[in-house]
C-alpha atoms as a PDB file:
ATOM      1  CA  UNK A   1       0.696  26.844  -5.631  1.00  0.00           C
ATOM      2  CA  UNK A   2       4.039  27.651  -3.154  1.00  0.00           C
ATOM      3  CA  UNK A   3       6.802  25.233  -1.460  1.00  0.00           C
ATOM      4  CA  UNK A   4      10.283  25.336  -1.340  1.00  0.00           C
ATOM      5  CA  UNK A   5      12.500  24.027  -3.983  1.00  0.00           C
ATOM      6  CA  UNK A   6      13.984  21.327  -3.753  1.00  0.00           C
ATOM      7  CA  UNK A   7      11.416  18.279  -3.331  1.00  0.00           C
ATOM      8  CA  UNK A   8      11.977  17.145   0.140  1.00  0.00           C
ATOM      9  CA  UNK A   9      10.335  13.821   0.970  1.00  0.00           C
ATOM     10  CA  UNK A  10       6.725  12.793   0.073  1.00  0.00           C
ATOM     11  CA  UNK A  11       4.357  14.096  -2.003  1.00  0.00           C
ATOM     12  CA  UNK A  12       6.007  16.635  -4.492  1.00  0.00           C
ATOM     13  CA  UNK A  13       2.866  17.033  -7.381  1.00  0.00           C
ATOM     14  CA  UNK A  14       2.690  20.835  -6.885  1.00  0.00           C
ATOM     15  CA  UNK A  15       3.469  21.813 -10.363  1.00  0.00           C
ATOM     16  CA  UNK A  16       1.633  18.503 -12.101  1.00  0.00           C
ATOM     17  CA  UNK A  17      -1.902  19.981 -10.405  1.00  0.00           C
ATOM     18  CA  UNK A  18      -1.207  23.845 -11.742  1.00  0.00           C
ATOM     19  CA  UNK A  19      -0.584  22.231 -15.010  1.00  0.00           C
ATOM     20  CA  UNK A  20      -3.657  19.973 -15.331  1.00  0.00           C
ATOM     21  CA  UNK A  21      -5.523  22.597 -13.728  1.00  0.00           C
ATOM     22  CA  UNK A  22      -4.237  25.254 -15.806  1.00  0.00           C
ATOM     23  CA  UNK A  23      -5.204  22.972 -18.786  1.00  0.00           C
ATOM     24  CA  UNK A  24      -8.714  22.899 -17.709  1.00  0.00           C
ATOM     25  CA  UNK A  25      -9.185  26.805 -17.786  1.00  0.00           C
ATOM     26  CA  UNK A  26      -7.967  27.804 -14.337  1.00  0.00           C
ATOM     27  CA  UNK A  27      -4.927  29.762 -14.183  1.00  0.00           C
ATOM     28  CA  UNK A  28      -2.330  28.279 -12.161  1.00  0.00           C
ATOM     29  CA  UNK A  29       1.328  28.694 -11.503  1.00  0.00           C
ATOM     30  CA  UNK A  30       3.897  27.368  -9.237  1.00  0.00           C
ATOM     31  CA  UNK A  31       7.109  28.897  -7.253  1.00  0.00           C
ATOM     32  CA  UNK A  32       8.361  29.449  -4.209  1.00  0.00           C
ATOM     33  CA  UNK A  33       7.140  31.884  -1.806  1.00  0.00           C
ATOM     34  CA  UNK A  34       9.652  34.241  -1.618  1.00  0.00           C
ATOM     35  CA  UNK A  35       8.482  34.584  -5.763  1.00  0.00           C
ATOM     36  CA  UNK A  36       5.475  36.251  -4.081  1.00  0.00           C
ATOM     37  CA  UNK A  37       4.869  40.000  -5.641  1.00  0.00           C
ATOM     38  CA  UNK A  38       2.840  42.711  -4.159  1.00  0.00           C
ATOM     39  CA  UNK A  39       1.944  45.320  -7.087  1.00  0.00           C
ATOM     40  CA  UNK A  40       0.178  48.773  -7.684  1.00  0.00           C
ATOM     41  CA  UNK A  41      -2.890  45.718  -9.263  1.00  0.00           C
ATOM     42  CA  UNK A  42      -2.410  43.238  -6.759  1.00  0.00           C
ATOM     43  CA  UNK A  43      -0.322  39.807  -6.067  1.00  0.00           C
ATOM     44  CA  UNK A  44       1.603  37.982  -8.715  1.00  0.00           C
ATOM     45  CA  UNK A  45       3.662  34.508  -8.660  1.00  0.00           C
ATOM     46  CA  UNK A  46       6.580  34.241 -11.201  1.00  0.00           C
ATOM     47  CA  UNK A  47       4.843  36.709 -13.353  1.00  0.00           C
ATOM     48  CA  UNK A  48       0.834  35.171 -13.465  1.00  0.00           C
ATOM     49  CA  UNK A  49      -1.961  37.283 -11.185  1.00  0.00           C
ATOM     50  CA  UNK A  50      -2.281  35.543  -7.564  1.00  0.00           C
ATOM     51  CA  UNK A  51      -5.100  35.421  -6.151  1.00  0.00           C
ATOM     52  CA  UNK A  52      -5.509  32.475  -3.768  1.00  0.00           C
ATOM     53  CA  UNK A  53      -1.676  30.703  -2.530  1.00  0.00           C
ATOM     54  CA  UNK A  54      -1.904  27.064  -1.824  1.00  0.00           C
ATOM     55  CA  UNK A  55       0.896  26.234   0.171  1.00  0.00           C
ATOM     56  CA  UNK A  56       2.856  22.925   0.438  1.00  0.00           C
ATOM     57  CA  UNK A  57       5.119  23.871   2.729  1.00  0.00           C
ATOM     58  CA  UNK A  58       5.097  24.064   6.900  1.00  0.00           C
ATOM     59  CA  UNK A  59       5.509  27.835   8.184  1.00  0.00           C
ATOM     60  CA  UNK A  60       8.716  27.135  10.295  1.00  0.00           C
ATOM     61  CA  UNK A  61      10.507  26.465   7.399  1.00  0.00           C
ATOM     62  CA  UNK A  62      10.531  29.879   5.801  1.00  0.00           C
ATOM     63  CA  UNK A  63      12.443  32.690   6.942  1.00  0.00           C
ATOM     64  CA  UNK A  64      11.812  34.500   9.664  1.00  0.00           C
ATOM     65  CA  UNK A  65       9.005  37.125   9.182  1.00  0.00           C
ATOM     66  CA  UNK A  66       9.416  40.659   7.877  1.00  0.00           C
ATOM     67  CA  UNK A  67      12.360  39.070   5.671  1.00  0.00           C
ATOM     68  CA  UNK A  68      12.183  41.462   2.156  1.00  0.00           C
ATOM     69  CA  UNK A  69      11.823  38.012   0.279  1.00  0.00           C
ATOM     70  CA  UNK A  70       8.529  36.938   2.473  1.00  0.00           C
ATOM     71  CA  UNK A  71       6.815  40.396   1.821  1.00  0.00           C
ATOM     72  CA  UNK A  72       4.246  39.370  -0.903  1.00  0.00           C
ATOM     73  CA  UNK A  73       3.694  35.902   0.913  1.00  0.00           C
ATOM     74  CA  UNK A  74       2.998  37.774   4.401  1.00  0.00           C
ATOM     75  CA  UNK A  75       0.624  40.211   3.326  1.00  0.00           C
ATOM     76  CA  UNK A  76      -1.578  37.473   1.744  1.00  0.00           C
ATOM     77  CA  UNK A  77      -1.835  35.318   4.350  1.00  0.00           C
ATOM     78  CA  UNK A  78      -2.616  38.110   6.419  1.00  0.00           C
ATOM     79  CA  UNK A  79      -5.491  38.823   4.190  1.00  0.00           C
ATOM     80  CA  UNK A  80      -6.558  35.140   4.802  1.00  0.00           C
ATOM     81  CA  UNK A  81      -5.515  34.021   1.634  1.00  0.00           C
ATOM     82  CA  UNK A  82      -2.932  31.465   1.867  1.00  0.00           C
ATOM     83  CA  UNK A  83      -4.488  27.464   2.392  1.00  0.00           C
ATOM     84  CA  UNK A  84      -4.318  26.340   4.438  1.00  0.00           C
ATOM     85  CA  UNK A  85      -4.270  28.629   7.232  1.00  0.00           C
ATOM     86  CA  UNK A  86      -1.873  28.894  10.204  1.00  0.00           C
ATOM     87  CA  UNK A  87      -4.136  25.903  12.128  1.00  0.00           C
ATOM     88  CA  UNK A  88      -2.043  23.717   9.506  1.00  0.00           C
ATOM     89  CA  UNK A  89       1.181  23.926  12.026  1.00  0.00           C
ATOM     90  CA  UNK A  90      -1.009  21.614  14.327  1.00  0.00           C
ATOM     91  CA  UNK A  91      -0.992  18.152  11.918  1.00  0.00           C
ATOM     92  CA  UNK A  92       1.890  16.893  13.967  1.00  0.00           C
ATOM     93  CA  UNK A  93       0.778  12.927  14.210  1.00  0.00           C
ATOM     94  CA  UNK A  94       1.750  13.034  17.308  1.00  0.00           C
ATOM     95  CA  UNK A  95      -1.693  15.525  18.199  1.00  0.00           C
ATOM     96  CA  UNK A  96      -2.992  11.608  18.441  1.00  0.00           C
ATOM     97  CA  UNK A  97      -1.909  11.314  21.565  1.00  0.00           C
ATOM     98  CA  UNK A  98      -4.058  14.253  23.098  1.00  0.00           C
ATOM     99  CA  UNK A  99      -6.935  11.977  21.861  1.00  0.00           C
ATOM    100  CA  UNK A 100      -5.696   8.640  23.311  1.00  0.00           C
ATOM    101  CA  UNK A 101      -3.788   9.575  27.279  1.00  0.00           C
ATOM    102  CA  UNK A 102      -6.530   9.615  30.089  1.00  0.00           C
ATOM    103  CA  UNK A 103      -4.457  13.204  31.089  1.00  0.00           C
ATOM    104  CA  UNK A 104      -6.337  14.468  28.405  1.00  0.00           C
ATOM    105  CA  UNK A 105      -9.645  13.253  28.741  1.00  0.00           C
ATOM    106  CA  UNK A 106     -11.397  15.808  31.079  1.00  0.00           C
ATOM    107  CA  UNK A 107     -11.400  17.668  27.291  1.00  0.00           C
ATOM    108  CA  UNK A 108     -14.330  15.301  26.107  1.00  0.00           C
ATOM    109  CA  UNK A 109     -17.911  13.925  26.842  1.00  0.00           C
ATOM    110  CA  UNK A 110     -18.171  10.511  28.213  1.00  0.00           C
ATOM    111  CA  UNK A 111     -19.344   9.949  24.974  1.00  0.00           C
ATOM    112  CA  UNK A 112     -16.713  11.483  22.959  1.00  0.00           C
ATOM    113  CA  UNK A 113     -14.296   9.826  24.942  1.00  0.00           C
ATOM    114  CA  UNK A 114     -16.195   6.324  24.914  1.00  0.00           C
ATOM    115  CA  UNK A 115     -15.805   7.096  20.643  1.00  0.00           C
ATOM    116  CA  UNK A 116     -12.362   7.932  20.909  1.00  0.00           C
ATOM    117  CA  UNK A 117     -10.881   4.520  22.560  1.00  0.00           C
ATOM    118  CA  UNK A 118     -12.721   2.825  19.851  1.00  0.00           C
ATOM    119  CA  UNK A 119     -11.487   5.004  16.680  1.00  0.00           C
ATOM    120  CA  UNK A 120      -8.084   6.632  17.612  1.00  0.00           C
ATOM    121  CA  UNK A 121      -5.350   3.927  17.657  1.00  0.00           C
ATOM    122  CA  UNK A 122      -3.349   4.345  21.111  1.00  0.00           C
ATOM    123  CA  UNK A 123      -0.236   6.965  19.731  1.00  0.00           C
ATOM    124  CA  UNK A 124       2.348   8.275  21.818  1.00  0.00           C
ATOM    125  CA  UNK A 125       5.331  11.071  20.731  1.00  0.00           C
ATOM    126  CA  UNK A 126       8.921   8.608  21.027  1.00  0.00           C
ATOM    127  CA  UNK A 127      10.828  10.177  23.875  1.00  0.00           C
ATOM    128  CA  UNK A 128      11.973   8.388  27.081  1.00  0.00           C
ATOM    129  CA  UNK A 129       9.566   9.044  29.956  1.00  0.00           C
ATOM    130  CA  UNK A 130       6.492   7.229  32.164  1.00  0.00           C
ATOM    131  CA  UNK A 131       2.765   7.538  30.421  1.00  0.00           C
ATOM    132  CA  UNK A 132      -0.027   5.544  30.522  1.00  0.00           C
ATOM    133  CA  UNK A 133      -0.352   2.500  27.812  1.00  0.00           C
ATOM    134  CA  UNK A 134      -2.758   1.271  25.456  1.00  0.00           C
ATOM    135  CA  UNK A 135      -4.818  -0.233  28.726  1.00  0.00           C
ATOM    136  CA  UNK A 136      -4.358   2.548  30.916  1.00  0.00           C
ATOM    137  CA  UNK A 137      -1.166   1.306  32.818  1.00  0.00           C
ATOM    138  CA  UNK A 138       1.317   3.239  33.100  1.00  0.00           C
ATOM    139  CA  UNK A 139       4.803   1.947  31.455  1.00  0.00           C
ATOM    140  CA  UNK A 140       8.084   3.354  30.583  1.00  0.00           C
ATOM    141  CA  UNK A 141       7.803   3.929  27.001  1.00  0.00           C
ATOM    142  CA  UNK A 142      11.091   2.745  25.806  1.00  0.00           C
ATOM    143  CA  UNK A 143      11.191  -0.621  27.239  1.00  0.00           C
ATOM    144  CA  UNK A 144       7.630  -1.417  27.196  1.00  0.00           C
ATOM    145  CA  UNK A 145       7.597  -0.748  23.105  1.00  0.00           C
ATOM    146  CA  UNK A 146      11.101  -2.760  22.735  1.00  0.00           C
ATOM    147  CA  UNK A 147       9.389  -5.609  24.583  1.00  0.00           C
ATOM    148  CA  UNK A 148       6.951  -6.481  21.306  1.00  0.00           C
ATOM    149  CA  UNK A 149       8.067  -4.228  17.799  1.00  0.00           C
ATOM    150  CA  UNK A 150       5.534  -6.483  16.247  1.00  0.00           C
ATOM    151  CA  UNK A 151       2.253  -4.737  17.960  1.00  0.00           C
ATOM    152  CA  UNK A 152       3.706  -1.543  16.790  1.00  0.00           C
ATOM    153  CA  UNK A 153       4.247   1.092  14.150  1.00  0.00           C
ATOM    154  CA  UNK A 154       6.674   4.010  13.580  1.00  0.00           C
ATOM    155  CA  UNK A 155       6.039   7.033  11.744  1.00  0.00           C
ATOM    156  CA  UNK A 156       7.933  10.284  11.657  1.00  0.00           C
ATOM    157  CA  UNK A 157       5.816  12.755  13.394  1.00  0.00           C
ATOM    158  CA  UNK A 158       5.701  15.048  10.662  1.00  0.00           C
ATOM    159  CA  UNK A 159       5.544  14.391   6.906  1.00  0.00           C
ATOM    160  CA  UNK A 160       3.169  13.095   4.347  1.00  0.00           C
ATOM    161  CA  UNK A 161       2.891   9.896   1.388  1.00  0.00           C
ATOM    162  CA  UNK A 162       3.561   7.596   4.044  1.00  0.00           C
ATOM    163  CA  UNK A 163       6.943   8.187   3.785  1.00  0.00           C
ATOM    164  CA  UNK A 164       9.182   5.682   6.508  1.00  0.00           C
ATOM    165  CA  UNK A 165       5.948   4.126   7.593  1.00  0.00           C
ATOM    166  CA  UNK A 166       7.224   1.016   9.820  1.00  0.00           C
ATOM    167  CA  UNK A 167       5.570  -1.697  10.781  1.00  0.00           C
ATOM    168  CA  UNK A 168       7.800  -3.972  13.069  1.00  0.00           C
ATOM    169  CA  UNK A 169       5.707  -7.154  12.522  1.00  0.00           C
ATOM    170  CA  UNK A 170       6.559  -6.722   8.450  1.00  0.00           C
ATOM    171  CA  UNK A 171      10.227  -4.770   8.667  1.00  0.00           C
ATOM    172  CA  UNK A 172      12.225  -6.463  11.514  1.00  0.00           C
ATOM    173  CA  UNK A 173      15.563  -4.662  10.358  1.00  0.00           C
ATOM    174  CA  UNK A 174      14.198  -1.144   9.232  1.00  0.00           C
ATOM    175  CA  UNK A 175      12.055  -0.916  12.481  1.00  0.00           C
ATOM    176  CA  UNK A 176      15.516  -1.478  14.526  1.00  0.00           C
ATOM    177  CA  UNK A 177      16.882   0.812  12.137  1.00  0.00           C
ATOM    178  CA  UNK A 178      13.998   3.285  12.835  1.00  0.00           C
ATOM    179  CA  UNK A 179      14.177   2.952  16.366  1.00  0.00           C
ATOM    180  CA  UNK A 180      18.004   3.713  16.929  1.00  0.00           C
ATOM    181  CA  UNK A 181      16.981   7.067  15.096  1.00  0.00           C
ATOM    182  CA  UNK A 182      13.763   7.749  17.435  1.00  0.00           C
ATOM    183  CA  UNK A 183      15.598   7.328  20.688  1.00  0.00           C
ATOM    184  CA  UNK A 184      18.333   9.521  19.088  1.00  0.00           C
ATOM    185  CA  UNK A 185      15.801  12.194  18.136  1.00  0.00           C
ATOM    186  CA  UNK A 186      13.075  12.920  20.799  1.00  0.00           C
ATOM    187  CA  UNK A 187       9.851  13.978  19.361  1.00  0.00           C
ATOM    188  CA  UNK A 188      10.685  13.110  15.891  1.00  0.00           C
ATOM    189  CA  UNK A 189       8.588  10.037  15.990  1.00  0.00           C
ATOM    190  CA  UNK A 190       5.453   8.674  16.942  1.00  0.00           C
ATOM    191  CA  UNK A 191       4.486   5.252  18.062  1.00  0.00           C
ATOM    192  CA  UNK A 192       0.937   3.650  17.614  1.00  0.00           C
ATOM    193  CA  UNK A 193      -0.245   0.498  18.309  1.00  0.00           C
ATOM    194  CA  UNK A 194      -0.973  -1.530  14.970  1.00  0.00           C
ATOM    195  CA  UNK A 195      -4.668  -1.643  13.916  1.00  0.00           C
ATOM    196  CA  UNK A 196      -5.217  -3.751  10.064  1.00  0.00           C
ATOM    197  CA  UNK A 197      -7.170  -1.790   8.101  1.00  0.00           C
ATOM    198  CA  UNK A 198     -10.168  -3.783   6.342  1.00  0.00           C
ATOM    199  CA  UNK A 199      -9.436  -5.761   3.214  1.00  0.00           C
ATOM    200  CA  UNK A 200     -11.694  -6.332   0.370  1.00  0.00           C
ATOM    201  CA  UNK A 201     -11.796  -7.351  -2.978  1.00  0.00           C
ATOM    202  CA  UNK A 202     -11.192  -5.032  -5.387  1.00  0.00           C
ATOM    203  CA  UNK A 203     -11.790  -4.784  -9.566  1.00  0.00           C
ATOM    204  CA  UNK A 204      -8.411  -3.633 -10.869  1.00  0.00           C
ATOM    205  CA  UNK A 205      -8.428  -3.005 -14.531  1.00  0.00           C
ATOM    206  CA  UNK A 206      -4.804  -3.637 -16.437  1.00  0.00           C
ATOM    207  CA  UNK A 207      -2.907  -4.928 -19.882  1.00  0.00           C
ATOM    208  CA  UNK A 208      -6.750  -4.780 -21.149  1.00  0.00           C
ATOM    209  CA  UNK A 209      -8.208  -6.961 -18.378  1.00  0.00           C
ATOM    210  CA  UNK A 210     -10.013  -6.627 -15.156  1.00  0.00           C
ATOM    211  CA  UNK A 211      -8.833  -8.601 -12.081  1.00  0.00           C
ATOM    212  CA  UNK A 212      -9.792  -9.343  -8.640  1.00  0.00           C
ATOM    213  CA  UNK A 213      -6.981  -8.390  -6.073  1.00  0.00           C
ATOM    214  CA  UNK A 214      -7.327  -7.953  -2.409  1.00  0.00           C
ATOM    215  CA  UNK A 215      -6.632  -4.823  -1.498  1.00  0.00           C
ATOM    216  CA  UNK A 216      -6.332  -2.902   1.896  1.00  0.00           C
ATOM    217  CA  UNK A 217      -8.814   0.446   1.718  1.00  0.00           C
ATOM    218  CA  UNK A 218      -9.240   2.985   4.445  1.00  0.00           C
ATOM    219  CA  UNK A 219     -12.007   6.343   4.054  1.00  0.00           C
ATOM    220  CA  UNK A 220     -10.831   9.599   4.694  1.00  0.00           C
ATOM    221  CA  UNK A 221     -13.155  12.587   5.865  1.00  0.00           C
ATOM    222  CA  UNK A 222     -12.430  16.178   4.205  1.00  0.00           C
ATOM    223  CA  UNK A 223     -14.108  19.493   4.985  1.00  0.00           C
ATOM    224  CA  UNK A 224     -13.861  23.123   3.025  1.00  0.00           C
ATOM    225  CA  UNK A 225     -15.930  25.977   2.869  1.00  0.00           C
ATOM    226  CA  UNK A 226     -19.128  24.220   5.041  1.00  0.00           C
ATOM    227  CA  UNK A 227     -19.364  21.204   2.716  1.00  0.00           C
ATOM    228  CA  UNK A 228     -17.923  17.983   3.429  1.00  0.00           C
ATOM    229  CA  UNK A 229     -16.681  14.827   1.282  1.00  0.00           C
ATOM    230  CA  UNK A 230     -14.738  11.465   1.515  1.00  0.00           C
ATOM    231  CA  UNK A 231     -12.081  10.006  -0.543  1.00  0.00           C
ATOM    232  CA  UNK A 232     -11.007   6.108  -0.362  1.00  0.00           C
ATOM    233  CA  UNK A 233      -7.499   4.281  -1.067  1.00  0.00           C
ATOM    234  CA  UNK A 234      -7.041   1.099  -1.487  1.00  0.00           C
ATOM    235  CA  UNK A 235      -3.411  -0.812  -1.852  1.00  0.00           C
ATOM    236  CA  UNK A 236      -2.334  -4.589  -1.786  1.00  0.00           C
ATOM    237  CA  UNK A 237       0.073  -3.685   1.176  1.00  0.00           C
ATOM    238  CA  UNK A 238      -1.189  -2.030   4.281  1.00  0.00           C
ATOM    239  CA  UNK A 239       0.514   1.573   3.550  1.00  0.00           C
ATOM    240  CA  UNK A 240      -2.147   2.480   1.598  1.00  0.00           C
ATOM    241  CA  UNK A 241      -1.012   6.167   0.420  1.00  0.00           C
ATOM    242  CA  UNK A 242      -0.973   6.659  -3.098  1.00  0.00           C
ATOM    243  CA  UNK A 243       3.041   7.561  -3.059  1.00  0.00           C
ATOM    244  CA  UNK A 244       3.425   4.168  -1.770  1.00  0.00           C
ATOM    245  CA  UNK A 245       1.764   2.055  -4.785  1.00  0.00           C
ATOM    246  CA  UNK A 246      -1.981   3.014  -3.676  1.00  0.00           C
ATOM    247  CA  UNK A 247      -4.590   4.601  -5.806  1.00  0.00           C
ATOM    248  CA  UNK A 248      -8.048   6.204  -5.016  1.00  0.00           C
ATOM    249  CA  UNK A 249     -11.382   4.747  -5.007  1.00  0.00           C
ATOM    250  CA  UNK A 250     -14.796   6.001  -5.205  1.00  0.00           C
ATOM    251  CA  UNK A 251     -16.742   5.905  -2.109  1.00  0.00           C
ATOM    252  CA  UNK A 252     -20.564   4.886  -2.309  1.00  0.00           C
ATOM    253  CA  UNK A 253     -23.079   5.758   0.016  1.00  0.00           C
ATOM    254  CA  UNK A 254     -25.834   3.667   0.863  1.00  0.00           C
ATOM    255  CA  UNK A 255     -29.425   5.351   1.400  1.00  0.00           C
END
């Protein structure tokens, strides 16, 4: 596992993952990209032989290509042994604007457009401009959002773990602060139409007893190596990320 020390905001679980997997017989280590070395027999990270690298960093955080300290990392990347690949650089939340803008509907079949309208919350990268609003009517983005902050959610364009996700209806003070920052830094934030997730009764074990709490629940989908799966997350609070106090939950599929 590689990431750039010191740790930044969001999830910082890479060293813990390496320790847990090592205890289960999967040799793992954690370090920085500059600590990857090319040897006669292969590659090493902090003295341990490396077959694959999992990166928890964006490529723009690295020194320029060709830097002496990156030769081992770059060679593994060229061999396709750094995960995720370059496609992960497109994980901006602002990419959801492409799925919710009439300007890009021509890229999808009609059935796909209808599905996207139902499933993807209206999303816009925040900067001063005119764009189509949730109903399709053209709006001035900044004044349109300011009229009714309780309708929206502000999120950093990049990031994870629910870090700095602000709901206007729940945190008006934090919303104003984040909104000022979003206007000062065009492209750094996105605004989304708020859609409450499903709230379900969940059994929770605590203090040796099981109690039932009403929790928000979401289900994510992941695909890798031709396989796919689901993971659930639950939290009594609307932002369900584990880093914000949520928990993982099993997903059962009925037949």
